[in-house]
Amino acid sequence: MNFAELLVIANFVLIVCEAVGGYIVIRSTISNAERLVEERVRNALIAENELLVARLARIEKENQRLDQIMELVIEILKKTRNLELEVHDDMIILRDDGKAHVRRITAPKEK
């Protein structure tokens, strides 16, 4: 084997190594990009979940406050006007001296 043949073999080995190295670099870059996107999505979902939990807590407090107001109004109507008011889910019953008035609450139409 002379020096020219060694150079050809070395050149071939270098070309194969560059191809393999390029493939590894591209694969690594894609993997890092996927990891970064996954981390961003995870952080966004965590933030949205925390926001929804806080919103749910506020809505539960508001619902308790509205229940207390409704109980107060019912109590006042009983004491002052001798009216009985019953609220069952979507139905309201108002009794006044033996007469009963029944109304159903309909959900508001969405736009």
Protein backbone atom coordinates (compact mmCIF):
# COMPACT_ATOMS: atom_id res chain seq x y z
CA MET A 1 0.00 0.00 0.00
CA ASN A 2 1.40 3.27 -0.96
CA PHE A 3 0.75 6.72 0.45
CA ALA A 4 -1.92 7.60 -2.18
CA GLU A 5 -4.01 4.56 -1.29
CA LEU A 6 -3.82 5.45 2.43
CA LEU A 7 -5.02 8.96 1.64
CA VAL A 8 -7.98 7.59 -0.34
CA ILE A 9 -8.94 5.27 2.54
CA ALA A 10 -8.52 8.07 5.08
CA ASN A 11 -10.61 10.38 2.89
CA PHE A 12 -13.37 7.76 2.68
CA VAL A 13 -13.33 7.23 6.46
CA LEU A 14 -13.53 10.99 7.03
CA ILE A 15 -16.51 11.32 4.64
CA VAL A 16 -18.37 8.48 6.41
CA CYS A 17 -17.56 10.00 9.83
CA GLU A 18 -18.82 13.42 8.69
CA ALA A 19 -22.08 11.90 7.46
CA VAL A 20 -22.61 10.01 10.73
CA GLY A 21 -21.65 13.09 12.77
CA GLY A 22 -24.03 15.27 10.75
CA TYR A 23 -26.85 12.80 11.35
CA ILE A 24 -26.14 12.77 15.10
CA VAL A 25 -26.07 16.60 15.21
CA ILE A 26 -29.37 16.91 13.34
CA ARG A 27 -31.00 14.27 15.53
CA SER A 28 -29.73 15.96 18.70
CA THR A 29 -30.97 19.38 17.55
CA ILE A 30 -34.43 18.02 16.77
CA SER A 31 -34.54 16.24 20.14
CA ASN A 32 -33.61 19.46 21.97
CA ALA A 33 -36.24 21.44 20.05
CA GLU A 34 -38.91 18.85 20.91
CA ARG A 35 -37.91 18.96 24.57
CA LEU A 36 -38.14 22.77 24.64
CA VAL A 37 -41.56 22.76 22.98
CA GLU A 38 -42.78 20.08 25.38
CA GLU A 39 -41.55 22.11 28.36
CA ARG A 40 -43.28 25.27 27.10
CA VAL A 41 -46.54 23.41 26.55
CA ARG A 42 -46.32 21.83 30.00
CA ASN A 43 -45.69 25.21 31.64
CA ALA A 44 -48.58 26.77 29.73
CA LEU A 45 -50.93 23.98 30.81
CA ILE A 46 -49.81 24.27 34.43
CA ALA A 47 -50.43 28.03 34.37
CA GLU A 48 -53.87 27.54 32.79
CA ASN A 49 -54.74 24.88 35.37
CA GLU A 50 -53.75 27.20 38.24
CA LEU A 51 -55.86 29.97 36.69
CA LEU A 52 -58.86 27.66 36.42
CA VAL A 53 -58.45 26.48 40.03
CA ALA A 54 -58.38 30.10 41.23
CA ARG A 55 -61.43 30.92 39.12
CA LEU A 56 -63.29 27.91 40.52
CA ALA A 57 -62.50 29.03 44.08
CA ARG A 58 -63.83 32.53 43.32
CA ILE A 59 -67.00 31.10 41.77
CA GLU A 60 -67.56 28.80 44.77
CA LYS A 61 -67.24 31.78 47.15
CA GLU A 62 -69.67 33.79 45.02
CA ASN A 63 -72.10 30.86 44.98
CA GLN A 64 -71.97 30.60 48.80
CA ARG A 65 -72.57 34.34 49.07
CA LEU A 66 -75.57 34.14 46.73
CA ASP A 67 -76.97 31.18 48.71
CA GLN A 68 -76.71 33.24 51.91
CA ILE A 69 -78.48 36.17 50.24
CA MET A 70 -81.23 33.87 48.97
CA GLU A 71 -81.74 32.39 52.45
CA LEU A 72 -81.92 35.90 53.91
CA VAL A 73 -84.54 37.00 51.36
CA ILE A 74 -86.62 33.87 52.03
CA GLU A 75 -86.45 34.49 55.78
CA ILE A 76 -87.44 38.15 55.39
CA LEU A 77 -90.38 37.25 53.14
CA LYS A 78 -91.63 34.72 55.70
CA LYS A 79 -91.43 37.22 58.57
CA THR A 80 -92.74 40.36 56.91
CA ARG A 81 -95.21 39.23 54.22
CA ASN A 82 -96.10 35.75 55.38
CA LEU A 83 -94.83 34.42 52.06
CA GLU A 84 -93.14 31.10 51.59
CA LEU A 85 -90.51 30.86 48.90
CA GLU A 86 -88.95 27.56 47.86
CA VAL A 87 -86.13 27.22 45.36
CA HIS A 88 -85.48 23.80 43.82
CA ASP A 89 -82.81 23.74 41.12
CA ASP A 90 -84.63 25.43 38.22
CA MET A 91 -88.08 25.81 39.86
CA ILE A 92 -89.30 28.53 42.22
CA ILE A 93 -92.49 28.08 44.26
CA LEU A 94 -94.10 31.09 45.99
CA ARG A 95 -96.97 30.41 48.41
CA ASP A 96 -99.23 33.22 49.60
CA ASP A 97 -102.35 32.52 51.69
CA GLY A 98 -103.00 29.12 50.15
CA LYS A 99 -102.14 30.12 46.58
CA ALA A 100 -99.06 28.69 44.95
CA HIS A 101 -97.20 30.29 42.08
CA VAL A 102 -94.68 28.10 40.26
CA ARG A 103 -92.05 29.38 37.84
CA ARG A 104 -89.26 27.60 36.01
CA ILE A 105 -85.94 29.29 35.45
CA THR A 106 -84.72 28.90 31.89
CA ALA A 107 -81.06 29.06 31.01
CA PRO A 108 -80.05 32.21 29.15
CA LYS A 109 -79.54 31.78 25.44
CA GLU A 110 -75.93 31.84 24.35
CA LYS A 111 -74.94 34.27 21.63
